Amino acid sequence: MKVGNARYDGPDDFPEIAPVFPLTGALLLPGSHLPLNVFEPRYIALMDHAIASNRLVTMVQPRLTETAGETTNPALCDVGCLGRITSFSETGDGRYIVSLAGICRVRLLEETTTGDDLFRSIRILPFLSDLGVAGEEPDVDRNALMTVFRAYLEQHRLEADWESIERAGNLALVNSLCMMSPFGAAEKQALLEAASLKARSATLVAMLEMLVARSPGTPSNTLQ
């Protein structure tokens, strides 16, 4: 898999340890891009470190049982996504605007942070199966996904660029819809941890069907 100017094809292409960016509700998936507005001093330091080294950052959510604001170093979910910084700019007021490209999911093994570190680092184990995911993934039930997505848009009086959507491969379509979906942290973690693109698509379809069904004013034939 090529991401930016680098290739990631096997275990030797990954570091043992990577910095982590904990962010509730943020979802980065392999093959997708996540924009970040970075302003906290410790994460500015993280970006400085990543830009000066291998440009790799692990996006992960705080553990779902954590209370918001309870601690500056919350326990983390076991699975995150490793991303490469493919573009960045400095704003002049101390922030970074970053585009992070998803490479593969990783399992977080053990923290290696010391008390003197400004940001956290974790030993990671990459999901190497993510590197071989093809763009089309023919087993994805695209019709079911498009049907429920259209129903959701109609229900909320939203529009979409259907021409671009029809041109998108299954990988880009499923992951883009997952990342922009109106779900909370637990649902987004479930989408991240889905075993395959087919499973991720089926999970998203089920979530959207429940969302549409419990919203008022749903036409009786919306999902048929």
Protein backbone atom coordinates (compact mmCIF):
# COMPACT_ATOMS: atom_id res chain seq x y z
CA MET A 1 0.00 0.00 0.00
CA LYS A 2 1.34 3.42 -0.95
CA VAL A 3 0.41 6.34 1.29
CA GLY A 4 1.84 9.70 0.36
CA ASN A 5 5.49 9.17 -0.56
CA ALA A 6 5.90 5.95 1.45
CA ARG A 7 4.99 2.29 0.99
CA TYR A 8 3.68 -0.02 3.70
CA ASP A 9 3.72 -3.63 2.52
CA GLY A 10 4.77 -5.71 5.53
CA PRO A 11 5.81 -5.75 9.18
CA ASP A 12 9.26 -4.30 8.49
CA ASP A 13 7.66 -1.09 7.21
CA PHE A 14 6.19 -0.23 10.61
CA PRO A 15 7.81 1.07 13.79
CA GLU A 16 7.40 -0.83 17.05
CA ILE A 17 6.32 2.34 18.84
CA ALA A 18 4.17 5.23 17.61
CA PRO A 19 2.80 8.39 19.22
CA VAL A 20 -0.92 8.37 19.96
CA PHE A 21 -3.48 11.11 19.47
CA PRO A 22 -6.51 10.29 21.68
CA LEU A 23 -9.66 11.97 20.40
CA THR A 24 -13.23 11.00 21.27
CA GLY A 25 -15.50 10.57 18.25
CA ALA A 26 -12.68 10.74 15.70
CA LEU A 27 -12.62 7.90 13.20
CA LEU A 28 -9.71 7.26 10.84
CA LEU A 29 -9.96 4.21 8.57
CA PRO A 30 -7.42 2.61 6.21
CA GLY A 31 -7.46 4.30 2.83
CA SER A 32 -9.26 7.41 4.12
CA HIS A 33 -8.20 10.91 5.18
CA LEU A 34 -8.91 12.75 8.42
CA PRO A 35 -8.41 16.52 8.72
CA LEU A 36 -7.11 17.70 12.10
CA ASN A 37 -6.92 21.14 13.67
CA VAL A 38 -4.15 20.72 16.25
CA PHE A 39 -3.76 23.38 18.93
CA GLU A 40 -2.97 21.81 22.32
CA PRO A 41 0.74 22.19 23.20
CA ARG A 42 1.28 18.44 23.78
CA TYR A 43 -0.21 17.59 20.39
CA ILE A 44 1.75 20.35 18.70
CA ALA A 45 4.80 18.59 20.19
CA LEU A 46 3.48 15.27 18.87
CA MET A 47 3.12 16.69 15.36
CA ASP A 48 6.60 18.25 15.53
CA HIS A 49 8.00 14.84 16.48
CA ALA A 50 6.09 12.99 13.74
CA ILE A 51 6.94 15.49 11.01
CA ALA A 52 10.63 15.30 11.95
CA SER A 53 10.66 11.49 11.93
CA ASN A 54 8.42 9.03 10.07
CA ARG A 55 5.22 11.13 9.92
CA LEU A 56 3.23 8.37 11.66
CA VAL A 57 0.52 9.02 14.25
CA THR A 58 -1.96 6.59 15.82
CA MET A 59 -5.50 7.93 16.15
CA VAL A 60 -7.38 6.25 18.99
CA GLN A 61 -10.41 6.96 21.13
CA PRO A 62 -10.25 7.10 24.92
CA ARG A 63 -11.73 3.97 26.41
CA LEU A 64 -15.50 4.21 26.17
CA THR A 65 -15.95 3.95 29.95
CA GLU A 66 -13.84 7.08 30.51
CA THR A 67 -15.59 10.24 31.71
CA ALA A 68 -14.87 13.29 29.57
CA GLY A 69 -12.29 15.53 31.20
CA GLU A 70 -11.70 13.08 34.03
CA THR A 71 -7.98 12.78 33.36
CA THR A 72 -5.37 14.18 31.00
CA ASN A 73 -4.14 10.62 30.29
CA PRO A 74 -7.26 8.48 29.90
CA ALA A 75 -7.20 4.75 29.32
CA LEU A 76 -7.39 4.04 25.60
CA CYS A 77 -9.36 1.67 23.39
CA ASP A 78 -7.44 -1.43 22.36
CA VAL A 79 -7.68 -0.70 18.62
CA GLY A 80 -6.79 2.48 16.76
CA CYS A 81 -5.68 3.41 13.25
CA LEU A 82 -2.17 4.35 12.19
CA GLY A 83 -2.02 7.32 9.86
CA ARG A 84 0.61 9.17 7.89
CA ILE A 85 0.79 12.96 7.78
CA THR A 86 0.46 13.67 4.06
CA SER A 87 0.09 17.44 4.32
CA PHE A 88 0.31 20.09 7.00
CA SER A 89 0.40 23.84 7.36
CA GLU A 90 1.20 26.22 10.20
CA THR A 91 -1.43 28.85 10.83
CA GLY A 92 0.76 31.52 12.42
CA ASP A 93 -1.22 31.44 15.67
CA GLY A 94 0.36 28.25 17.02
CA ARG A 95 -1.82 25.65 15.31
CA TYR A 96 -1.25 22.91 12.75
CA ILE A 97 -3.78 22.04 10.05
CA VAL A 98 -3.01 18.41 9.22
CA SER A 99 -4.29 15.81 6.79
CA LEU A 100 -3.81 12.29 8.12
CA ALA A 101 -4.06 9.36 5.69
CA GLY A 102 -5.12 6.02 7.18
CA ILE A 103 -2.71 3.13 6.64
CA CYS A 104 -3.97 0.25 8.77
CA ARG A 105 -5.59 -0.48 12.08
CA VAL A 106 -3.29 -1.28 14.99
CA ARG A 107 -3.67 -3.00 18.32
CA LEU A 108 -2.29 -0.97 21.21
CA LEU A 109 -0.08 -3.21 23.34
CA GLU A 110 1.68 -1.21 26.05
CA GLU A 111 2.43 2.40 26.78
CA THR A 112 6.07 3.47 26.63
CA THR A 113 5.56 7.05 27.76
CA THR A 114 7.78 8.40 30.52
CA GLY A 115 6.95 11.19 32.92
CA ASP A 116 9.08 13.63 30.95
CA ASP A 117 7.28 13.08 27.63
CA LEU A 118 4.88 15.76 26.43
CA PHE A 119 2.80 13.24 24.45
CA ARG A 120 2.03 9.55 24.77
CA SER A 121 3.63 6.70 22.82
CA ILE A 122 2.46 3.09 22.58
CA ARG A 123 3.87 -0.17 21.29
CA ILE A 124 1.67 -1.19 18.36
CA LEU A 125 0.79 -4.33 16.41
CA PRO A 126 -0.42 -3.56 12.85
CA PHE A 127 -3.37 -5.35 11.25
CA LEU A 128 -1.40 -6.41 8.17
CA SER A 129 -4.57 -7.71 6.50
CA ASP A 130 -5.64 -4.08 6.02
CA LEU A 131 -2.75 -3.54 3.59
CA GLY A 132 -4.24 -5.85 0.98
CA VAL A 133 -7.79 -4.50 0.88
CA ALA A 134 -8.78 -3.88 -2.75
CA GLY A 135 -10.69 -0.78 -3.73
CA GLU A 136 -13.74 -2.60 -5.06
CA GLU A 137 -14.30 -5.39 -2.51
CA PRO A 138 -17.11 -7.04 -4.53
CA ASP A 139 -18.68 -8.77 -1.50
CA VAL A 140 -19.92 -5.43 -0.11
CA ASP A 141 -23.72 -5.09 -0.40
CA ARG A 142 -23.56 -1.73 -2.13
CA ASN A 143 -27.29 -1.65 -2.93
CA ALA A 144 -28.27 -2.02 0.72
CA LEU A 145 -25.83 0.70 1.73
CA MET A 146 -27.01 3.12 -0.96
CA THR A 147 -30.68 2.47 -0.14
CA VAL A 148 -30.39 3.27 3.55
CA PHE A 149 -28.04 6.18 2.93
CA ARG A 150 -30.53 7.71 0.51
CA ALA A 151 -33.33 7.18 3.04
CA TYR A 152 -31.30 8.94 5.74
CA LEU A 153 -30.60 11.92 3.46
CA GLU A 154 -34.22 12.22 2.38
CA GLN A 155 -35.42 12.04 5.98
CA HIS A 156 -33.12 14.88 7.01
CA ARG A 157 -33.61 16.87 3.79
CA LEU A 158 -29.94 16.60 2.88
CA GLU A 159 -28.35 16.42 -0.54
CA ALA A 160 -25.39 14.48 -1.90
CA ASP A 161 -23.20 14.46 -4.98
CA TRP A 162 -24.64 11.25 -6.37
CA GLU A 163 -22.44 11.31 -9.46
CA SER A 164 -19.30 11.20 -7.30
CA ILE A 165 -20.84 8.60 -5.01
CA GLU A 166 -21.64 6.30 -7.95
CA ARG A 167 -18.05 6.59 -9.20
CA ALA A 168 -16.49 5.78 -5.82
CA GLY A 169 -15.14 2.30 -5.22
CA ASN A 170 -16.55 0.29 -2.36
CA LEU A 171 -13.56 0.96 -0.09
CA ALA A 172 -13.80 4.73 -0.50
CA LEU A 173 -17.60 4.70 -0.26
CA VAL A 174 -17.90 2.57 2.88
CA ASN A 175 -15.08 4.26 4.76
CA SER A 176 -16.17 7.79 3.82
CA LEU A 177 -19.74 7.14 4.96
CA CYS A 178 -18.49 5.60 8.21
CA MET A 179 -16.26 8.59 8.97
CA MET A 180 -19.00 11.15 8.31
CA SER A 181 -21.75 9.15 10.00
CA PRO A 182 -23.73 10.86 12.81
CA PHE A 183 -22.89 8.27 15.47
CA GLY A 184 -21.24 8.42 18.86
CA ALA A 185 -17.95 7.06 20.11
CA ALA A 186 -19.14 3.49 20.77
CA GLU A 187 -20.65 3.08 17.31
CA LYS A 188 -17.58 4.53 15.62
CA GLN A 189 -15.35 2.15 17.54
CA ALA A 190 -17.53 -0.75 16.38
CA LEU A 191 -17.12 0.42 12.77
CA LEU A 192 -13.35 0.62 13.22
CA GLU A 193 -13.12 -2.86 14.70
CA ALA A 194 -15.30 -4.57 12.08
CA ALA A 195 -13.41 -7.60 10.79
CA SER A 196 -13.62 -6.71 7.08
CA LEU A 197 -14.93 -4.05 4.73
CA LYS A 198 -18.00 -6.22 4.12
CA ALA A 199 -18.62 -6.45 7.87
CA ARG A 200 -18.05 -2.70 8.28
CA SER A 201 -20.58 -1.96 5.55
CA ALA A 202 -23.15 -4.34 7.07
CA THR A 203 -22.63 -2.75 10.50
CA LEU A 204 -23.13 0.73 9.05
CA VAL A 205 -26.28 -0.37 7.22
CA ALA A 206 -27.74 -1.81 10.45
CA MET A 207 -26.93 1.38 12.38
CA LEU A 208 -28.45 3.65 9.73
CA GLU A 209 -31.56 1.47 9.46
CA MET A 210 -32.13 1.80 13.22
CA LEU A 211 -31.53 5.55 13.04
CA VAL A 212 -34.00 6.00 10.20
CA ALA A 213 -36.60 3.70 11.77
CA ARG A 214 -36.70 5.53 15.09
CA SER A 215 -36.86 9.02 13.58
CA PRO A 216 -40.31 10.62 13.26
CA GLY A 217 -41.97 10.99 9.91
CA THR A 218 -40.25 8.08 8.21
CA PRO A 219 -42.12 6.93 5.09
CA SER A 220 -43.30 3.34 5.47
CA ASN A 221 -41.44 2.20 2.35
CA THR A 222 -38.17 4.07 3.00
CA LEU A 223 -36.02 0.98 3.45
CA GLN A 224 -37.76 -1.26 0.95
